[in-house]
Amino acid sequence: MGSLIMNTFYKISKLDANKVGSFEYEIGYEFNPFCNEQVDETYLVWVDLVEQLKDNENIKKVDWSQLEVIDETQINTKITNI
């Protein structure tokens, strides 16, 4: 049987998201921790992306090992209606 691969995310506080900030890491690709705001006012950052960018100075500003990791079944994103 094949295994189900789920995306995993760090839950990051607004304070830590501000430390990291938004930045372009490749032409046309932006790291933006503010894209996925949760109901509990935290943000989600894809674990694999943090691993790829672990040598980036902005990423080093946060101790990612201290953050909660959730999978995609635990996401509770704020939805705004226009």
PDB file of N, CA and C in Angstrom:
ATOM      1  N   MET A   1       0.828  -1.188   0.000  1.00  0.00           N
ATOM      2  CA  MET A   1       0.000   0.000   0.000  1.00  0.00           C
ATOM      3  C   MET A   1       0.870   1.248   0.000  1.00  0.00           C
ATOM      4  N   GLY A   2       0.437   2.247  -0.708  1.00  0.00           N
ATOM      5  CA  GLY A   2       1.142   3.524  -0.708  1.00  0.00           C
ATOM      6  C   GLY A   2       0.787   4.328   0.529  1.00  0.00           C
ATOM      7  N   SER A   3       1.692   5.199   0.908  1.00  0.00           N
ATOM      8  CA  SER A   3       1.422   6.023   2.078  1.00  0.00           C
ATOM      9  C   SER A   3       0.889   7.384   1.635  1.00  0.00           C
ATOM     10  N   LEU A   4       0.072   7.970   2.483  1.00  0.00           N
ATOM     11  CA  LEU A   4      -0.482   9.286   2.212  1.00  0.00           C
ATOM     12  C   LEU A   4       0.504  10.331   2.707  1.00  0.00           C
ATOM     13  N   ILE A   5       0.934  11.205   1.820  1.00  0.00           N
ATOM     14  CA  ILE A   5       1.871  12.257   2.187  1.00  0.00           C
ATOM     15  C   ILE A   5       1.072  13.514   2.468  1.00  0.00           C
ATOM     16  N   MET A   6       1.264  14.061   3.667  1.00  0.00           N
ATOM     17  CA  MET A   6       0.566  15.281   4.035  1.00  0.00           C
ATOM     18  C   MET A   6       1.560  16.423   4.144  1.00  0.00           C
ATOM     19  N   ASN A   7       1.090  17.593   3.811  1.00  0.00           N
ATOM     20  CA  ASN A   7       1.904  18.783   4.009  1.00  0.00           C
ATOM     21  C   ASN A   7       1.930  19.107   5.490  1.00  0.00           C
ATOM     22  N   THR A   8       3.072  19.531   5.972  1.00  0.00           N
ATOM     23  CA  THR A   8       3.194  19.947   7.367  1.00  0.00           C
ATOM     24  C   THR A   8       3.637  21.400   7.410  1.00  0.00           C
ATOM     25  N   PHE A   9       3.177  22.075   8.459  1.00  0.00           N
ATOM     26  CA  PHE A   9       3.395  23.507   8.585  1.00  0.00           C
ATOM     27  C   PHE A   9       3.842  23.860   9.996  1.00  0.00           C
ATOM     28  N   TYR A  10       4.674  24.888  10.093  1.00  0.00           N
ATOM     29  CA  TYR A  10       4.975  25.489  11.384  1.00  0.00           C
ATOM     30  C   TYR A  10       3.885  26.504  11.680  1.00  0.00           C
ATOM     31  N   LYS A  11       3.424  26.548  12.932  1.00  0.00           N
ATOM     32  CA  LYS A  11       2.548  27.632  13.373  1.00  0.00           C
ATOM     33  C   LYS A  11       3.462  28.703  13.947  1.00  0.00           C
ATOM     34  N   ILE A  12       3.421  29.872  13.364  1.00  0.00           N
ATOM     35  CA  ILE A  12       4.335  30.938  13.737  1.00  0.00           C
ATOM     36  C   ILE A  12       3.528  32.133  14.258  1.00  0.00           C
ATOM     37  N   SER A  13       4.003  32.730  15.334  1.00  0.00           N
ATOM     38  CA  SER A  13       3.316  33.883  15.915  1.00  0.00           C
ATOM     39  C   SER A  13       3.527  35.119  15.037  1.00  0.00           C
ATOM     40  N   LYS A  14       2.712  36.130  15.275  1.00  0.00           N
ATOM     41  CA  LYS A  14       2.868  37.381  14.533  1.00  0.00           C
ATOM     42  C   LYS A  14       4.234  38.000  14.819  1.00  0.00           C
ATOM     43  N   LEU A  15       4.700  37.910  16.061  1.00  0.00           N
ATOM     44  CA  LEU A  15       6.014  38.439  16.430  1.00  0.00           C
ATOM     45  C   LEU A  15       7.119  37.756  15.627  1.00  0.00           C
ATOM     46  N   ASP A  16       7.098  36.419  15.579  1.00  0.00           N
ATOM     47  CA  ASP A  16       8.115  35.689  14.810  1.00  0.00           C
ATOM     48  C   ASP A  16       7.966  35.940  13.308  1.00  0.00           C
ATOM     49  N   ALA A  17       6.731  36.045  12.825  1.00  0.00           N
ATOM     50  CA  ALA A  17       6.521  36.338  11.404  1.00  0.00           C
ATOM     51  C   ALA A  17       7.120  37.693  11.048  1.00  0.00           C
ATOM     52  N   ASN A  18       6.994  38.646  11.957  1.00  0.00           N
ATOM     53  CA  ASN A  18       7.597  39.965  11.723  1.00  0.00           C
ATOM     54  C   ASN A  18       9.123  39.892  11.736  1.00  0.00           C
ATOM     55  N   LYS A  19       9.703  39.016  12.561  1.00  0.00           N
ATOM     56  CA  LYS A  19      11.163  38.853  12.590  1.00  0.00           C
ATOM     57  C   LYS A  19      11.667  38.353  11.241  1.00  0.00           C
ATOM     58  N   VAL A  20      10.970  37.366  10.688  1.00  0.00           N
ATOM     59  CA  VAL A  20      11.378  36.772   9.418  1.00  0.00           C
ATOM     60  C   VAL A  20      11.065  37.729   8.271  1.00  0.00           C
ATOM     61  N   GLY A  21       9.863  38.266   8.273  1.00  0.00           N
ATOM     62  CA  GLY A  21       9.445  39.171   7.214  1.00  0.00           C
ATOM     63  C   GLY A  21       9.235  38.467   5.885  1.00  0.00           C
ATOM     64  N   SER A  22       8.881  39.235   4.887  1.00  0.00           N
ATOM     65  CA  SER A  22       8.712  38.721   3.526  1.00  0.00           C
ATOM     66  C   SER A  22       9.978  39.023   2.742  1.00  0.00           C
ATOM     67  N   PHE A  23      10.390  38.086   1.920  1.00  0.00           N
ATOM     68  CA  PHE A  23      11.583  38.306   1.099  1.00  0.00           C
ATOM     69  C   PHE A  23      11.545  37.406  -0.128  1.00  0.00           C
ATOM     70  N   GLU A  24      12.194  37.858  -1.187  1.00  0.00           N
ATOM     71  CA  GLU A  24      12.305  37.059  -2.401  1.00  0.00           C
ATOM     72  C   GLU A  24      13.503  36.131  -2.243  1.00  0.00           C
ATOM     73  N   TYR A  25      13.287  34.832  -2.414  1.00  0.00           N
ATOM     74  CA  TYR A  25      14.397  33.885  -2.280  1.00  0.00           C
ATOM     75  C   TYR A  25      14.866  33.336  -3.612  1.00  0.00           C
ATOM     76  N   GLU A  26      14.072  33.479  -4.639  1.00  0.00           N
ATOM     77  CA  GLU A  26      14.449  33.185  -6.016  1.00  0.00           C
ATOM     78  C   GLU A  26      13.666  34.159  -6.870  1.00  0.00           C
ATOM     79  N   ILE A  27      14.105  34.364  -8.080  1.00  0.00           N
ATOM     80  CA  ILE A  27      13.372  35.271  -8.962  1.00  0.00           C
ATOM     81  C   ILE A  27      11.953  34.730  -9.144  1.00  0.00           C
ATOM     82  N   GLY A  28      10.991  35.546  -8.760  1.00  0.00           N
ATOM     83  CA  GLY A  28       9.589  35.161  -8.906  1.00  0.00           C
ATOM     84  C   GLY A  28       9.008  34.384  -7.733  1.00  0.00           C
ATOM     85  N   TYR A  29       9.807  34.101  -6.706  1.00  0.00           N
ATOM     86  CA  TYR A  29       9.329  33.346  -5.540  1.00  0.00           C
ATOM     87  C   TYR A  29       9.553  34.173  -4.277  1.00  0.00           C
ATOM     88  N   GLU A  30       8.482  34.352  -3.522  1.00  0.00           N
ATOM     89  CA  GLU A  30       8.566  35.156  -2.309  1.00  0.00           C
ATOM     90  C   GLU A  30       8.209  34.323  -1.088  1.00  0.00           C
ATOM     91  N   PHE A  31       9.001  34.474  -0.045  1.00  0.00           N
ATOM     92  CA  PHE A  31       8.681  33.887   1.252  1.00  0.00           C
ATOM     93  C   PHE A  31       7.827  34.916   1.976  1.00  0.00           C
ATOM     94  N   ASN A  32       6.582  34.563   2.291  1.00  0.00           N
ATOM     95  CA  ASN A  32       5.675  35.493   2.951  1.00  0.00           C
ATOM     96  C   ASN A  32       4.909  34.757   4.045  1.00  0.00           C
ATOM     97  N   PRO A  33       5.323  34.924   5.308  1.00  0.00           N
ATOM     98  CA  PRO A  33       4.671  34.190   6.392  1.00  0.00           C
ATOM     99  C   PRO A  33       3.268  34.690   6.713  1.00  0.00           C
ATOM    100  N   PHE A  34       2.843  35.781   6.113  1.00  0.00           N
ATOM    101  CA  PHE A  34       1.551  36.371   6.449  1.00  0.00           C
ATOM    102  C   PHE A  34       0.410  35.883   5.550  1.00  0.00           C
ATOM    103  N   CYS A  35       0.671  34.959   4.652  1.00  0.00           N
ATOM    104  CA  CYS A  35      -0.343  34.509   3.692  1.00  0.00           C
ATOM    105  C   CYS A  35      -1.462  33.674   4.323  1.00  0.00           C
ATOM    106  N   ASN A  36      -1.144  32.872   5.312  1.00  0.00           N
ATOM    107  CA  ASN A  36      -2.117  31.927   5.864  1.00  0.00           C
ATOM    108  C   ASN A  36      -2.415  32.215   7.324  1.00  0.00           C
ATOM    109  N   GLU A  37      -3.206  33.265   7.577  1.00  0.00           N
ATOM    110  CA  GLU A  37      -3.544  33.601   8.954  1.00  0.00           C
ATOM    111  C   GLU A  37      -4.590  32.617   9.470  1.00  0.00           C
ATOM    112  N   GLN A  38      -4.363  32.138  10.683  1.00  0.00           N
ATOM    113  CA  GLN A  38      -5.258  31.183  11.319  1.00  0.00           C
ATOM    114  C   GLN A  38      -6.231  31.896  12.253  1.00  0.00           C
ATOM    115  N   VAL A  39      -7.280  31.204  12.639  1.00  0.00           N
ATOM    116  CA  VAL A  39      -8.278  31.752  13.543  1.00  0.00           C
ATOM    117  C   VAL A  39      -7.638  32.187  14.862  1.00  0.00           C
ATOM    118  N   ASP A  40      -6.612  31.460  15.309  1.00  0.00           N
ATOM    119  CA  ASP A  40      -5.948  31.792  16.577  1.00  0.00           C
ATOM    120  C   ASP A  40      -4.869  32.870  16.418  1.00  0.00           C
ATOM    121  N   GLU A  41      -4.881  33.568  15.279  1.00  0.00           N
ATOM    122  CA  GLU A  41      -3.966  34.669  14.976  1.00  0.00           C
ATOM    123  C   GLU A  41      -2.502  34.250  14.871  1.00  0.00           C
ATOM    124  N   THR A  42      -2.267  32.989  14.519  1.00  0.00           N
ATOM    125  CA  THR A  42      -0.931  32.533  14.146  1.00  0.00           C
ATOM    126  C   THR A  42      -0.922  32.427  12.623  1.00  0.00           C
ATOM    127  N   TYR A  43       0.245  32.110  12.071  1.00  0.00           N
ATOM    128  CA  TYR A  43       0.391  31.976  10.632  1.00  0.00           C
ATOM    129  C   TYR A  43       1.029  30.624  10.339  1.00  0.00           C
ATOM    130  N   LEU A  44       0.811  30.121   9.139  1.00  0.00           N
ATOM    131  CA  LEU A  44       1.394  28.836   8.747  1.00  0.00           C
ATOM    132  C   LEU A  44       2.520  29.033   7.756  1.00  0.00           C
ATOM    133  N   VAL A  45       3.608  28.316   7.990  1.00  0.00           N
ATOM    134  CA  VAL A  45       4.758  28.331   7.087  1.00  0.00           C
ATOM    135  C   VAL A  45       5.098  26.872   6.784  1.00  0.00           C
ATOM    136  N   TRP A  46       5.213  26.560   5.519  1.00  0.00           N
ATOM    137  CA  TRP A  46       5.473  25.201   5.072  1.00  0.00           C
ATOM    138  C   TRP A  46       6.834  24.734   5.588  1.00  0.00           C
ATOM    139  N   VAL A  47       6.869  23.605   6.294  1.00  0.00           N
ATOM    140  CA  VAL A  47       8.091  23.065   6.884  1.00  0.00           C
ATOM    141  C   VAL A  47       9.159  22.824   5.824  1.00  0.00           C
ATOM    142  N   ASP A  48       8.780  22.243   4.695  1.00  0.00           N
ATOM    143  CA  ASP A  48       9.761  21.951   3.641  1.00  0.00           C
ATOM    144  C   ASP A  48      10.425  23.215   3.102  1.00  0.00           C
ATOM    145  N   LEU A  49       9.672  24.303   3.016  1.00  0.00           N
ATOM    146  CA  LEU A  49      10.246  25.553   2.529  1.00  0.00           C
ATOM    147  C   LEU A  49      11.255  26.112   3.528  1.00  0.00           C
ATOM    148  N   VAL A  50      10.940  26.039   4.808  1.00  0.00           N
ATOM    149  CA  VAL A  50      11.895  26.490   5.834  1.00  0.00           C
ATOM    150  C   VAL A  50      13.173  25.663   5.753  1.00  0.00           C
ATOM    151  N   GLU A  51      13.041  24.354   5.553  1.00  0.00           N
ATOM    152  CA  GLU A  51      14.223  23.491   5.418  1.00  0.00           C
ATOM    153  C   GLU A  51      15.060  23.890   4.204  1.00  0.00           C
ATOM    154  N   GLN A  52      14.409  24.203   3.093  1.00  0.00           N
ATOM    155  CA  GLN A  52      15.127  24.613   1.886  1.00  0.00           C
ATOM    156  C   GLN A  52      15.877  25.926   2.094  1.00  0.00           C
ATOM    157  N   LEU A  53      15.305  26.806   2.918  1.00  0.00           N
ATOM    158  CA  LEU A  53      15.866  28.145   3.107  1.00  0.00           C
ATOM    159  C   LEU A  53      16.619  28.288   4.427  1.00  0.00           C
ATOM    160  N   LYS A  54      16.989  27.175   5.058  1.00  0.00           N
ATOM    161  CA  LYS A  54      17.561  27.214   6.408  1.00  0.00           C
ATOM    162  C   LYS A  54      18.830  28.053   6.533  1.00  0.00           C
ATOM    163  N   ASP A  55      19.541  28.304   5.447  1.00  0.00           N
ATOM    164  CA  ASP A  55      20.757  29.123   5.501  1.00  0.00           C
ATOM    165  C   ASP A  55      20.488  30.609   5.275  1.00  0.00           C
ATOM    166  N   ASN A  56      19.233  30.963   4.988  1.00  0.00           N
ATOM    167  CA  ASN A  56      18.861  32.353   4.773  1.00  0.00           C
ATOM    168  C   ASN A  56      18.901  33.108   6.100  1.00  0.00           C
ATOM    169  N   GLU A  57      19.454  34.300   6.086  1.00  0.00           N
ATOM    170  CA  GLU A  57      19.596  35.100   7.316  1.00  0.00           C
ATOM    171  C   GLU A  57      18.245  35.409   7.967  1.00  0.00           C
ATOM    172  N   ASN A  58      17.217  35.648   7.172  1.00  0.00           N
ATOM    173  CA  ASN A  58      15.889  35.917   7.739  1.00  0.00           C
ATOM    174  C   ASN A  58      15.334  34.685   8.450  1.00  0.00           C
ATOM    175  N   ILE A  59      15.502  33.521   7.858  1.00  0.00           N
ATOM    176  CA  ILE A  59      15.006  32.272   8.450  1.00  0.00           C
ATOM    177  C   ILE A  59      15.713  31.995   9.775  1.00  0.00           C
ATOM    178  N   LYS A  60      16.993  32.342   9.867  1.00  0.00           N
ATOM    179  CA  LYS A  60      17.777  32.096  11.084  1.00  0.00           C
ATOM    180  C   LYS A  60      17.322  32.959  12.262  1.00  0.00           C
ATOM    181  N   LYS A  61      16.488  33.958  12.030  1.00  0.00           N
ATOM    182  CA  LYS A  61      16.036  34.851  13.104  1.00  0.00           C
ATOM    183  C   LYS A  61      15.020  34.187  14.046  1.00  0.00           C
ATOM    184  N   VAL A  62      14.496  33.019  13.662  1.00  0.00           N
ATOM    185  CA  VAL A  62      13.491  32.323  14.453  1.00  0.00           C
ATOM    186  C   VAL A  62      14.009  30.934  14.817  1.00  0.00           C
ATOM    187  N   ASP A  63      13.738  30.495  16.051  1.00  0.00           N
ATOM    188  CA  ASP A  63      14.081  29.135  16.478  1.00  0.00           C
ATOM    189  C   ASP A  63      12.917  28.221  16.095  1.00  0.00           C
ATOM    190  N   TRP A  64      12.980  27.689  14.898  1.00  0.00           N
ATOM    191  CA  TRP A  64      11.899  26.882  14.343  1.00  0.00           C
ATOM    192  C   TRP A  64      11.671  25.608  15.147  1.00  0.00           C
ATOM    193  N   SER A  65      12.691  25.114  15.835  1.00  0.00           N
ATOM    194  CA  SER A  65      12.550  23.870  16.611  1.00  0.00           C
ATOM    195  C   SER A  65      11.597  24.036  17.795  1.00  0.00           C
ATOM    196  N   GLN A  66      11.322  25.273  18.195  1.00  0.00           N
ATOM    197  CA  GLN A  66      10.433  25.533  19.327  1.00  0.00           C
ATOM    198  C   GLN A  66       8.971  25.707  18.907  1.00  0.00           C
ATOM    199  N   LEU A  67       8.697  25.691  17.611  1.00  0.00           N
ATOM    200  CA  LEU A  67       7.349  25.946  17.119  1.00  0.00           C
ATOM    201  C   LEU A  67       6.548  24.665  16.940  1.00  0.00           C
ATOM    202  N   GLU A  68       5.246  24.795  17.086  1.00  0.00           N
ATOM    203  CA  GLU A  68       4.336  23.666  16.870  1.00  0.00           C
ATOM    204  C   GLU A  68       4.270  23.352  15.379  1.00  0.00           C
ATOM    205  N   VAL A  69       4.252  22.056  15.067  1.00  0.00           N
ATOM    206  CA  VAL A  69       4.107  21.599  13.684  1.00  0.00           C
ATOM    207  C   VAL A  69       2.742  20.929  13.562  1.00  0.00           C
ATOM    208  N   ILE A  70       1.987  21.332  12.534  1.00  0.00           N
ATOM    209  CA  ILE A  70       0.686  20.715  12.293  1.00  0.00           C
ATOM    210  C   ILE A  70       0.637  20.188  10.869  1.00  0.00           C
ATOM    211  N   ASP A  71      -0.311  19.285  10.619  1.00  0.00           N
ATOM    212  CA  ASP A  71      -0.495  18.819   9.243  1.00  0.00           C
ATOM    213  C   ASP A  71      -1.726  19.504   8.649  1.00  0.00           C
ATOM    214  N   GLU A  72      -1.957  19.239   7.390  1.00  0.00           N
ATOM    215  CA  GLU A  72      -3.008  19.958   6.667  1.00  0.00           C
ATOM    216  C   GLU A  72      -4.414  19.683   7.195  1.00  0.00           C
ATOM    217  N   THR A  73      -4.607  18.608   7.953  1.00  0.00           N
ATOM    218  CA  THR A  73      -5.933  18.320   8.508  1.00  0.00           C
ATOM    219  C   THR A  73      -6.261  19.221   9.698  1.00  0.00           C
ATOM    220  N   GLN A  74      -5.264  19.923  10.241  1.00  0.00           N
ATOM    221  CA  GLN A  74      -5.453  20.760  11.421  1.00  0.00           C
ATOM    222  C   GLN A  74      -5.545  22.253  11.088  1.00  0.00           C
ATOM    223  N   ILE A  75      -5.578  22.576   9.814  1.00  0.00           N
ATOM    224  CA  ILE A  75      -5.599  23.981   9.400  1.00  0.00           C
ATOM    225  C   ILE A  75      -6.951  24.601   9.698  1.00  0.00           C
ATOM    226  N   ASN A  76      -6.936  25.796  10.254  1.00  0.00           N
ATOM    227  CA  ASN A  76      -8.156  26.529  10.537  1.00  0.00           C
ATOM    228  C   ASN A  76      -7.949  27.987  10.098  1.00  0.00           C
ATOM    229  N   THR A  77      -7.893  28.183   8.789  1.00  0.00           N
ATOM    230  CA  THR A  77      -7.581  29.472   8.198  1.00  0.00           C
ATOM    231  C   THR A  77      -8.771  30.417   8.278  1.00  0.00           C
ATOM    232  N   LYS A  78      -8.474  31.687   8.554  1.00  0.00           N
ATOM    233  CA  LYS A  78      -9.518  32.715   8.519  1.00  0.00           C
ATOM    234  C   LYS A  78      -9.946  32.892   7.068  1.00  0.00           C
ATOM    235  N   ILE A  79     -11.235  32.924   6.857  1.00  0.00           N
ATOM    236  CA  ILE A  79     -11.757  33.161   5.517  1.00  0.00           C
ATOM    237  C   ILE A  79     -12.513  34.467   5.550  1.00  0.00           C
ATOM    238  N   THR A  80     -12.165  35.357   4.649  1.00  0.00           N
ATOM    239  CA  THR A  80     -12.852  36.635   4.593  1.00  0.00           C
ATOM    240  C   THR A  80     -13.682  36.710   3.329  1.00  0.00           C
ATOM    241  N   ASN A  81     -14.878  37.203   3.462  1.00  0.00           N
ATOM    242  CA  ASN A  81     -15.763  37.370   2.302  1.00  0.00           C
ATOM    243  C   ASN A  81     -15.660  38.820   1.823  1.00  0.00           C
ATOM    244  N   ILE A  82     -15.644  38.968   0.527  1.00  0.00           N
ATOM    245  CA  ILE A  82     -15.534  40.309  -0.063  1.00  0.00           C
ATOM    246  C   ILE A  82     -16.939  40.853  -0.333  1.00  0.00           C
TER     247      ILE A  82
END
